[in-house]
PDB file of N, CA and C in Angstrom:
ATOM      1  N   MET A   1     -39.029-164.623  46.008  1.00  0.00           N
ATOM      2  CA  MET A   1     -39.842-164.822  47.221  1.00  0.00           C
ATOM      3  C   MET A   1     -40.332-163.505  47.793  1.00  0.00           C
ATOM      4  N   GLN A   2     -39.401-162.445  47.575  1.00  0.00           N
ATOM      5  CA  GLN A   2     -39.833-161.171  48.052  1.00  0.00           C
ATOM      6  C   GLN A   2     -40.848-160.557  47.246  1.00  0.00           C
ATOM      7  N   THR A   3     -40.901-160.903  46.015  1.00  0.00           N
ATOM      8  CA  THR A   3     -41.962-160.389  45.063  1.00  0.00           C
ATOM      9  C   THR A   3     -43.285-161.025  45.441  1.00  0.00           C
ATOM     10  N   LEU A   4     -43.278-162.337  45.748  1.00  0.00           N
ATOM     11  CA  LEU A   4     -44.484-162.937  46.065  1.00  0.00           C
ATOM     12  C   LEU A   4     -45.041-162.347  47.463  1.00  0.00           C
ATOM     13  N   VAL A   5     -44.290-162.124  48.299  1.00  0.00           N
ATOM     14  CA  VAL A   5     -44.720-161.516  49.662  1.00  0.00           C
ATOM     15  C   VAL A   5     -45.282-160.137  49.386  1.00  0.00           C
ATOM     16  N   LEU A   6     -44.586-159.363  48.573  1.00  0.00           N
ATOM     17  CA  LEU A   6     -45.012-157.977  48.227  1.00  0.00           C
ATOM     18  C   LEU A   6     -46.336-158.098  47.507  1.00  0.00           C
ATOM     19  N   ILE A   7     -46.554-158.908  46.585  1.00  0.00           N
ATOM     20  CA  ILE A   7     -47.818-159.112  45.882  1.00  0.00           C
ATOM     21  C   ILE A   7     -48.913-159.473  46.800  1.00  0.00           C
ATOM     22  N   LEU A   8     -48.647-160.352  47.761  1.00  0.00           N
ATOM     23  CA  LEU A   8     -49.639-160.743  48.771  1.00  0.00           C
ATOM     24  C   LEU A   8     -50.050-159.569  49.652  1.00  0.00           C
ATOM     25  N   ILE A   9     -49.088-158.836  50.113  1.00  0.00           N
ATOM     26  CA  ILE A   9     -49.394-157.744  51.005  1.00  0.00           C
ATOM     27  C   ILE A   9     -50.231-156.678  50.214  1.00  0.00           C
ATOM     28  N   LEU A  10     -49.881-156.417  49.047  1.00  0.00           N
ATOM     29  CA  LEU A  10     -50.665-155.432  48.168  1.00  0.00           C
ATOM     30  C   LEU A  10     -52.107-155.939  47.870  1.00  0.00           C
ATOM     31  N   PHE A  11     -52.232-157.245  47.669  1.00  0.00           N
ATOM     32  CA  PHE A  11     -53.534-157.800  47.436  1.00  0.00           C
ATOM     33  C   PHE A  11     -54.338-157.647  48.696  1.00  0.00           C
ATOM     34  N   LEU A  12     -53.777-157.987  49.877  1.00  0.00           N
ATOM     35  CA  LEU A  12     -54.626-157.830  51.121  1.00  0.00           C
ATOM     36  C   LEU A  12     -54.967-156.446  51.460  1.00  0.00           C
ATOM     37  N   ILE A  13     -54.045-155.453  51.166  1.00  0.00           N
ATOM     38  CA  ILE A  13     -54.358-154.031  51.410  1.00  0.00           C
ATOM     39  C   ILE A  13     -55.497-153.591  50.448  1.00  0.00           C
ATOM     40  N   SER A  14     -55.435-154.051  49.191  1.00  0.00           N
ATOM     41  CA  SER A  14     -56.501-153.676  48.270  1.00  0.00           C
ATOM     42  C   SER A  14     -57.895-154.275  48.728  1.00  0.00           C
ATOM     43  N   ILE A  15     -57.796-155.423  49.205  1.00  0.00           N
ATOM     44  CA  ILE A  15     -59.103-156.165  49.620  1.00  0.00           C
ATOM     45  C   ILE A  15     -59.682-155.414  50.811  1.00  0.00           C
ATOM     46  N   PHE A  16     -58.840-155.086  51.803  1.00  0.00           N
ATOM     47  CA  PHE A  16     -59.356-154.425  52.946  1.00  0.00           C
ATOM     48  C   PHE A  16     -59.788-153.010  52.752  1.00  0.00           C
ATOM     49  N   SER A  17     -59.114-152.369  51.830  1.00  0.00           N
ATOM     50  CA  SER A  17     -59.500-150.988  51.419  1.00  0.00           C
ATOM     51  C   SER A  17     -60.887-150.937  50.732  1.00  0.00           C
ATOM     52  N   VAL A  18     -61.189-151.927  49.927  1.00  0.00           N
ATOM     53  CA  VAL A  18     -62.475-152.029  49.351  1.00  0.00           C
ATOM     54  C   VAL A  18     -63.537-152.347  50.357  1.00  0.00           C
ATOM     55  N   LEU A  19     -63.292-153.251  51.339  1.00  0.00           N
ATOM     56  CA  LEU A  19     -64.288-153.544  52.401  1.00  0.00           C
ATOM     57  C   LEU A  19     -64.483-152.329  53.244  1.00  0.00           C
ATOM     58  N   LEU A  20     -63.449-151.529  53.547  1.00  0.00           N
ATOM     59  CA  LEU A  20     -63.496-150.305  54.330  1.00  0.00           C
ATOM     60  C   LEU A  20     -64.422-149.337  53.645  1.00  0.00           C
ATOM     61  N   TYR A  21     -64.289-149.191  52.322  1.00  0.00           N
ATOM     62  CA  TYR A  21     -65.041-148.267  51.502  1.00  0.00           C
ATOM     63  C   TYR A  21     -66.506-148.678  51.568  1.00  0.00           C
ATOM     64  N   PHE A  22     -66.818-149.872  51.428  1.00  0.00           N
ATOM     65  CA  PHE A  22     -68.300-150.229  51.435  1.00  0.00           C
ATOM     66  C   PHE A  22     -68.906-150.130  52.769  1.00  0.00           C
ATOM     67  N   LYS A  23     -68.004-150.393  53.958  1.00  0.00           N
ATOM     68  CA  LYS A  23     -68.536-150.218  55.270  1.00  0.00           C
ATOM     69  C   LYS A  23     -68.866-148.711  55.582  1.00  0.00           C
ATOM     70  N   SER A  24     -67.950-147.757  55.163  1.00  0.00           N
ATOM     71  CA  SER A  24     -68.287-146.449  55.359  1.00  0.00           C
ATOM     72  C   SER A  24     -69.429-145.869  54.438  1.00  0.00           C
ATOM     73  N   LYS A  25     -69.566-146.372  53.354  1.00  0.00           N
ATOM     74  CA  LYS A  25     -70.782-146.095  52.457  1.00  0.00           C
ATOM     75  C   LYS A  25     -72.065-146.516  53.082  1.00  0.00           C
ATOM     76  N   ASN A  26     -72.105-147.804  53.517  1.00  0.00           N
ATOM     77  CA  ASN A  26     -73.302-148.174  54.189  1.00  0.00           C
ATOM     78  C   ASN A  26     -73.599-147.481  55.531  1.00  0.00           C
ATOM     79  N   GLY A  27     -72.516-147.080  56.215  1.00  0.00           N
ATOM     80  CA  GLY A  27     -72.765-146.338  57.464  1.00  0.00           C
ATOM     81  C   GLY A  27     -73.338-145.015  57.262  1.00  0.00           C
ATOM     82  N   ARG A  28     -72.836-144.285  56.145  1.00  0.00           N
ATOM     83  CA  ARG A  28     -73.334-142.991  55.686  1.00  0.00           C
ATOM     84  C   ARG A  28     -74.840-143.090  55.338  1.00  0.00           C
ATOM     85  N   LEU A  29     -75.206-144.236  54.598  1.00  0.00           N
ATOM     86  CA  LEU A  29     -76.527-144.360  54.154  1.00  0.00           C
ATOM     87  C   LEU A  29     -77.408-144.700  55.331  1.00  0.00           C
ATOM     88  N   GLU A  30     -77.012-145.370  56.243  1.00  0.00           N
ATOM     89  CA  GLU A  30     -77.815-145.745  57.388  1.00  0.00           C
ATOM     90  C   GLU A  30     -78.014-144.464  58.224  1.00  0.00           C
ATOM     91  N   LYS A  31     -77.121-143.508  58.329  1.00  0.00           N
ATOM     92  CA  LYS A  31     -77.348-142.263  59.120  1.00  0.00           C
ATOM     93  C   LYS A  31     -78.287-141.309  58.307  1.00  0.00           C
ATOM     94  N   LEU A  32     -78.178-141.521  57.035  1.00  0.00           N
ATOM     95  CA  LEU A  32     -78.989-140.562  56.192  1.00  0.00           C
ATOM     96  C   LEU A  32     -80.446-141.073  56.338  1.00  0.00           C
ATOM     97  N   GLN A  33     -80.688-142.450  56.277  1.00  0.00           N
ATOM     98  CA  GLN A  33     -82.100-142.939  56.521  1.00  0.00           C
ATOM     99  C   GLN A  33     -82.535-142.763  57.888  1.00  0.00           C
ATOM    100  N   ASN A  34     -81.794-142.523  58.906  1.00  0.00           N
ATOM    101  CA  ASN A  34     -82.170-142.275  60.209  1.00  0.00           C
ATOM    102  C   ASN A  34     -82.523-140.810  60.466  1.00  0.00           C
ATOM    103  N   GLY A  35     -82.148-139.961  59.457  1.00  0.00           N
ATOM    104  CA  GLY A  35     -82.406-138.530  59.606  1.00  0.00           C
ATOM    105  C   GLY A  35     -81.188-137.711  60.109  1.00  0.00           C
ATOM    106  N   GLU A  36     -80.031-138.376  60.173  1.00  0.00           N
ATOM    107  CA  GLU A  36     -78.873-137.553  60.798  1.00  0.00           C
ATOM    108  C   GLU A  36     -77.858-137.355  59.540  1.00  0.00           C
ATOM    109  N   CYS A  37     -77.313-136.071  59.570  1.00  0.00           N
ATOM    110  CA  CYS A  37     -76.383-135.709  58.486  1.00  0.00           C
ATOM    111  C   CYS A  37     -75.036-136.302  58.900  1.00  0.00           C
ATOM    112  N   PRO A  38     -74.421-137.155  57.978  1.00  0.00           N
ATOM    113  CA  PRO A  38     -73.156-137.689  58.265  1.00  0.00           C
ATOM    114  C   PRO A  38     -71.965-136.618  58.178  1.00  0.00           C
ATOM    115  N   THR A  39     -72.154-135.580  57.483  1.00  0.00           N
ATOM    116  CA  THR A  39     -71.187-134.471  57.387  1.00  0.00           C
ATOM    117  C   THR A  39     -71.083-133.582  58.552  1.00  0.00           C
ATOM    118  N   CYS A  40     -72.259-132.953  58.939  1.00  0.00           N
ATOM    119  CA  CYS A  40     -72.208-132.026  60.029  1.00  0.00           C
ATOM    120  C   CYS A  40     -72.744-132.554  61.221  1.00  0.00           C
ATOM    121  N   GLY A  41     -73.386-133.680  61.265  1.00  0.00           N
ATOM    122  CA  GLY A  41     -73.823-134.401  62.475  1.00  0.00           C
ATOM    123  C   GLY A  41     -75.187-133.866  62.997  1.00  0.00           C
ATOM    124  N   ALA A  42     -75.859-132.968  62.195  1.00  0.00           N
ATOM    125  CA  ALA A  42     -77.195-132.479  62.639  1.00  0.00           C
ATOM    126  C   ALA A  42     -78.225-133.593  62.703  1.00  0.00           C
ATOM    127  N   LYS A  43     -79.043-133.529  63.762  1.00  0.00           N
ATOM    128  CA  LYS A  43     -80.132-134.483  63.913  1.00  0.00           C
ATOM    129  C   LYS A  43     -81.487-133.841  63.936  1.00  0.00           C
ATOM    130  N   PRO A  44     -82.517-134.582  63.698  1.00  0.00           N
ATOM    131  CA  PRO A  44     -83.830-134.013  63.542  1.00  0.00           C
ATOM    132  C   PRO A  44     -84.191-133.421  64.915  1.00  0.00           C
ATOM    133  N   LYS A  45     -84.867-132.250  64.982  1.00  0.00           N
ATOM    134  CA  LYS A  45     -85.347-131.592  66.150  1.00  0.00           C
ATOM    135  C   LYS A  45     -86.758-131.948  66.503  1.00  0.00           C
ATOM    136  N   VAL A  46     -87.055-132.244  67.753  1.00  0.00           N
ATOM    137  CA  VAL A  46     -88.399-132.621  68.189  1.00  0.00           C
ATOM    138  C   VAL A  46     -88.883-131.589  69.191  1.00  0.00           C
ATOM    139  N   PHE A  47     -90.102-131.048  68.895  1.00  0.00           N
ATOM    140  CA  PHE A  47     -90.659-130.051  69.730  1.00  0.00           C
ATOM    141  C   PHE A  47     -91.948-130.663  70.349  1.00  0.00           C
ATOM    142  N   THR A  48     -92.270-130.288  71.560  1.00  0.00           N
ATOM    143  CA  THR A  48     -93.503-130.836  72.170  1.00  0.00           C
ATOM    144  C   THR A  48     -94.256-129.649  72.631  1.00  0.00           C
ATOM    145  N   ASP A  49     -95.614-129.627  72.206  1.00  0.00           N
ATOM    146  CA  ASP A  49     -96.569-128.564  72.686  1.00  0.00           C
ATOM    147  C   ASP A  49     -97.293-129.210  73.930  1.00  0.00           C
ATOM    148  N   ASN A  50     -97.010-128.599  75.058  1.00  0.00           N
ATOM    149  CA  ASN A  50     -97.393-129.110  76.339  1.00  0.00           C
ATOM    150  C   ASN A  50     -99.017-128.979  76.568  1.00  0.00           C
ATOM    151  N   SER A  51     -99.580-127.968  75.860  1.00  0.00           N
ATOM    152  CA  SER A  51    -101.072-127.742  76.089  1.00  0.00           C
ATOM    153  C   SER A  51    -101.841-128.840  75.316  1.00  0.00           C
ATOM    154  N   THR A  52    -101.357-129.271  74.144  1.00  0.00           N
ATOM    155  CA  THR A  52    -102.082-130.290  73.418  1.00  0.00           C
ATOM    156  C   THR A  52    -101.483-131.682  73.340  1.00  0.00           C
ATOM    157  N   ASN A  53    -100.292-131.841  74.035  1.00  0.00           N
ATOM    158  CA  ASN A  53     -99.453-133.037  74.032  1.00  0.00           C
ATOM    159  C   ASN A  53     -99.245-133.457  72.590  1.00  0.00           C
ATOM    160  N   THR A  54     -98.882-132.645  71.776  1.00  0.00           N
ATOM    161  CA  THR A  54     -98.500-133.014  70.333  1.00  0.00           C
ATOM    162  C   THR A  54     -97.006-132.770  70.156  1.00  0.00           C
ATOM    163  N   THR A  55     -96.387-133.704  69.487  1.00  0.00           N
ATOM    164  CA  THR A  55     -94.901-133.540  69.220  1.00  0.00           C
ATOM    165  C   THR A  55     -94.778-133.178  67.707  1.00  0.00           C
ATOM    166  N   PHE A  56     -93.812-132.390  67.467  1.00  0.00           N
ATOM    167  CA  PHE A  56     -93.573-131.848  66.089  1.00  0.00           C
ATOM    168  C   PHE A  56     -92.077-132.243  65.822  1.00  0.00           C
ATOM    169  N   LYS A  57     -91.906-132.709  64.594  1.00  0.00           N
ATOM    170  CA  LYS A  57     -90.571-133.126  64.195  1.00  0.00           C
ATOM    171  C   LYS A  57     -90.114-132.321  63.055  1.00  0.00           C
ATOM    172  N   GLN A  58     -88.955-131.674  63.095  1.00  0.00           N
ATOM    173  CA  GLN A  58     -88.345-130.815  62.069  1.00  0.00           C
ATOM    174  C   GLN A  58     -87.144-131.597  61.495  1.00  0.00           C
ATOM    175  N   ASP A  59     -87.413-132.083  60.295  1.00  0.00           N
ATOM    176  CA  ASP A  59     -86.333-133.021  59.758  1.00  0.00           C
ATOM    177  C   ASP A  59     -85.119-132.185  59.129  1.00  0.00           C
ATOM    178  N   VAL A  60     -83.936-132.638  59.299  1.00  0.00           N
ATOM    179  CA  VAL A  60     -82.735-131.942  58.784  1.00  0.00           C
ATOM    180  C   VAL A  60     -82.444-132.489  57.342  1.00  0.00           C
ATOM    181  N   ILE A  61     -82.713-133.844  57.179  1.00  0.00           N
ATOM    182  CA  ILE A  61     -82.479-134.440  55.853  1.00  0.00           C
ATOM    183  C   ILE A  61     -83.713-134.523  54.923  1.00  0.00           C
ATOM    184  N   SER A  62     -83.652-134.079  53.807  1.00  0.00           N
ATOM    185  CA  SER A  62     -84.763-134.311  52.835  1.00  0.00           C
ATOM    186  C   SER A  62     -84.252-135.163  51.756  1.00  0.00           C
ATOM    187  N   SER A  63     -85.225-136.060  51.352  1.00  0.00           N
ATOM    188  CA  SER A  63     -84.954-137.006  50.372  1.00  0.00           C
ATOM    189  C   SER A  63     -85.866-136.939  49.203  1.00  0.00           C
ATOM    190  N   ARG A  64     -85.431-137.288  47.988  1.00  0.00           N
ATOM    191  CA  ARG A  64     -86.309-137.285  46.789  1.00  0.00           C
ATOM    192  C   ARG A  64     -85.749-138.418  45.798  1.00  0.00           C
ATOM    193  N   ILE A  65     -86.748-138.909  45.156  1.00  0.00           N
ATOM    194  CA  ILE A  65     -86.420-139.972  44.076  1.00  0.00           C
ATOM    195  C   ILE A  65     -85.956-139.332  42.803  1.00  0.00           C
ATOM    196  N   LEU A  66     -84.802-139.767  42.383  1.00  0.00           N
ATOM    197  CA  LEU A  66     -84.254-139.363  41.078  1.00  0.00           C
ATOM    198  C   LEU A  66     -84.695-140.185  40.028  1.00  0.00           C
ATOM    199  N   LYS A  67     -84.560-141.522  40.206  1.00  0.00           N
ATOM    200  CA  LYS A  67     -84.913-142.508  39.169  1.00  0.00           C
ATOM    201  C   LYS A  67     -85.457-143.739  39.887  1.00  0.00           C
ATOM    202  N   ASN A  68     -86.591-144.278  39.411  1.00  0.00           N
ATOM    203  CA  ASN A  68     -87.251-145.499  39.835  1.00  0.00           C
ATOM    204  C   ASN A  68     -87.163-146.470  38.581  1.00  0.00           C
ATOM    205  N   HIS A  69     -86.421-147.533  38.764  1.00  0.00           N
ATOM    206  CA  HIS A  69     -86.117-148.395  37.674  1.00  0.00           C
ATOM    207  C   HIS A  69     -87.135-149.627  37.597  1.00  0.00           C
ATOM    208  N   GLY A  70     -88.237-149.558  38.283  1.00  0.00           N
ATOM    209  CA  GLY A  70     -89.292-150.544  38.250  1.00  0.00           C
ATOM    210  C   GLY A  70     -89.072-151.538  39.167  1.00  0.00           C
ATOM    211  N   CYS A  71     -89.777-152.663  38.922  1.00  0.00           N
ATOM    212  CA  CYS A  71     -89.740-153.818  39.958  1.00  0.00           C
ATOM    213  C   CYS A  71     -88.361-154.515  39.891  1.00  0.00           C
ATOM    214  N   SER A  72     -87.750-154.579  38.897  1.00  0.00           N
ATOM    215  CA  SER A  72     -86.457-155.363  38.822  1.00  0.00           C
ATOM    216  C   SER A  72     -85.203-154.429  38.955  1.00  0.00           C
ATOM    217  N   GLY A  73     -85.404-153.136  39.223  1.00  0.00           N
ATOM    218  CA  GLY A  73     -84.256-152.301  39.259  1.00  0.00           C
ATOM    219  C   GLY A  73     -84.070-151.681  40.571  1.00  0.00           C
ATOM    220  N   ALA A  74     -83.293-150.669  40.707  1.00  0.00           N
ATOM    221  CA  ALA A  74     -82.969-149.998  41.996  1.00  0.00           C
ATOM    222  C   ALA A  74     -83.647-148.666  41.950  1.00  0.00           C
ATOM    223  N   ILE A  75     -83.688-148.059  43.117  1.00  0.00           N
ATOM    224  CA  ILE A  75     -84.248-146.632  43.282  1.00  0.00           C
ATOM    225  C   ILE A  75     -83.042-145.804  43.511  1.00  0.00           C
ATOM    226  N   ASP A  76     -82.876-144.665  42.765  1.00  0.00           N
ATOM    227  CA  ASP A  76     -81.799-143.746  43.006  1.00  0.00           C
ATOM    228  C   ASP A  76     -82.427-142.604  43.821  1.00  0.00           C
ATOM    229  N   MET A  77     -81.922-142.403  45.137  1.00  0.00           N
ATOM    230  CA  MET A  77     -82.423-141.421  45.993  1.00  0.00           C
ATOM    231  C   MET A  77     -81.308-140.313  46.215  1.00  0.00           C
ATOM    232  N   GLU A  78     -81.853-139.035  46.229  1.00  0.00           N
ATOM    233  CA  GLU A  78     -80.920-137.957  46.534  1.00  0.00           C
ATOM    234  C   GLU A  78     -81.249-137.412  47.879  1.00  0.00           C
ATOM    235  N   TYR A  79     -80.274-137.464  48.825  1.00  0.00           N
ATOM    236  CA  TYR A  79     -80.445-136.967  50.288  1.00  0.00           C
ATOM    237  C   TYR A  79     -79.719-135.562  50.316  1.00  0.00           C
ATOM    238  N   SER A  80     -80.425-134.671  50.860  1.00  0.00           N
ATOM    239  CA  SER A  80     -79.772-133.321  50.993  1.00  0.00           C
ATOM    240  C   SER A  80     -80.026-132.826  52.480  1.00  0.00           C
ATOM    241  N   CYS A  81     -78.942-132.146  52.971  1.00  0.00           N
ATOM    242  CA  CYS A  81     -79.043-131.620  54.298  1.00  0.00           C
ATOM    243  C   CYS A  81     -79.367-130.179  54.278  1.00  0.00           C
ATOM    244  N   LYS A  82     -80.332-129.766  55.212  1.00  0.00           N
ATOM    245  CA  LYS A  82     -80.746-128.313  55.131  1.00  0.00           C
ATOM    246  C   LYS A  82     -79.756-127.472  55.819  1.00  0.00           C
ATOM    247  N   ASN A  83     -78.938-128.025  56.721  1.00  0.00           N
ATOM    248  CA  ASN A  83     -77.984-127.178  57.515  1.00  0.00           C
ATOM    249  C   ASN A  83     -76.723-126.861  56.729  1.00  0.00           C
ATOM    250  N   CYS A  84     -76.047-128.003  56.244  1.00  0.00           N
ATOM    251  CA  CYS A  84     -74.758-127.675  55.568  1.00  0.00           C
ATOM    252  C   CYS A  84     -74.901-127.721  54.065  1.00  0.00           C
ATOM    253  N   GLY A  85     -75.980-128.022  53.468  1.00  0.00           N
ATOM    254  CA  GLY A  85     -76.134-128.126  52.087  1.00  0.00           C
ATOM    255  C   GLY A  85     -75.460-129.376  51.279  1.00  0.00           C
ATOM    256  N   MET A  86     -75.157-130.387  52.027  1.00  0.00           N
ATOM    257  CA  MET A  86     -74.572-131.562  51.548  1.00  0.00           C
ATOM    258  C   MET A  86     -75.650-132.343  50.639  1.00  0.00           C
ATOM    259  N   LYS A  87     -75.240-132.898  49.594  1.00  0.00           N
ATOM    260  CA  LYS A  87     -76.081-133.742  48.717  1.00  0.00           C
ATOM    261  C   LYS A  87     -75.394-134.916  48.395  1.00  0.00           C
ATOM    262  N   GLU A  88     -76.112-136.102  48.519  1.00  0.00           N
ATOM    263  CA  GLU A  88     -75.581-137.472  48.164  1.00  0.00           C
ATOM    264  C   GLU A  88     -76.607-138.188  47.480  1.00  0.00           C
ATOM    265  N   VAL A  89     -76.225-138.994  46.490  1.00  0.00           N
ATOM    266  CA  VAL A  89     -77.001-139.882  45.776  1.00  0.00           C
ATOM    267  C   VAL A  89     -76.723-141.344  46.073  1.00  0.00           C
ATOM    268  N   HIS A  90     -77.730-142.120  46.540  1.00  0.00           N
ATOM    269  CA  HIS A  90     -77.512-143.499  46.828  1.00  0.00           C
ATOM    270  C   HIS A  90     -78.461-144.405  46.092  1.00  0.00           C
ATOM    271  N   SER A  91     -78.132-145.517  45.723  1.00  0.00           N
ATOM    272  CA  SER A  91     -79.085-146.534  45.084  1.00  0.00           C
ATOM    273  C   SER A  91     -79.436-147.608  46.130  1.00  0.00           C
ATOM    274  N   THR A  92     -80.778-147.774  46.232  1.00  0.00           N
ATOM    275  CA  THR A  92     -81.291-148.726  47.087  1.00  0.00           C
ATOM    276  C   THR A  92     -82.159-149.793  46.370  1.00  0.00           C
ATOM    277  N   PRO A  93     -82.117-150.998  46.770  1.00  0.00           N
ATOM    278  CA  PRO A  93     -82.815-152.121  46.091  1.00  0.00           C
ATOM    279  C   PRO A  93     -84.311-151.799  46.194  1.00  0.00           C
ATOM    280  N   ASN A  94     -85.110-152.155  45.161  1.00  0.00           N
ATOM    281  CA  ASN A  94     -86.549-151.943  45.180  1.00  0.00           C
ATOM    282  C   ASN A  94     -87.169-153.228  45.772  1.00  0.00           C
ATOM    283  N   ASN A  95     -87.871-153.208  46.904  1.00  0.00           N
ATOM    284  CA  ASN A  95     -88.522-154.231  47.503  1.00  0.00           C
ATOM    285  C   ASN A  95     -90.016-154.118  47.579  1.00  0.00           C
ATOM    286  N   SER A  96     -90.618-153.201  46.715  1.00  0.00           N
ATOM    287  CA  SER A  96     -91.997-152.908  46.747  1.00  0.00           C
ATOM    288  C   SER A  96     -92.845-153.689  45.686  1.00  0.00           C
ATOM    289  N   CYS A  97     -92.317-154.666  45.010  1.00  0.00           N
ATOM    290  CA  CYS A  97     -93.004-155.359  44.023  1.00  0.00           C
ATOM    291  C   CYS A  97     -93.848-156.493  44.694  1.00  0.00           C
ATOM    292  N   GLY A  98     -95.132-156.383  44.540  1.00  0.00           N
ATOM    293  CA  GLY A  98     -95.938-157.348  45.232  1.00  0.00           C
ATOM    294  C   GLY A  98     -96.383-158.472  44.204  1.00  0.00           C
ATOM    295  N   MET A  99     -95.701-159.528  44.056  1.00  0.00           N
ATOM    296  CA  MET A  99     -96.024-160.517  43.144  1.00  0.00           C
ATOM    297  C   MET A  99     -96.398-161.788  43.932  1.00  0.00           C
TER     298      MET A  99
END
């Protein structure tokens, strides 16, 4: 009986740890897509020229496409922070196929 309870507890811990991993991964990806660095917390800077009423935005996160696997695949994106030098690679589904 103790073995069964121990196995059940270990199974639940493993399931919740996997869910926590995916939640933190999606949270980091969402921050990167919003232009905020998840490591150092730097946000894009917005400057306004009062004489011409023009706003300028200086991005902290730069992104580039590493691999594009076509219509049926995913896009591998590399995000890098200009402040702390952090680099992360994330795969996003490709939704740009117009059929």
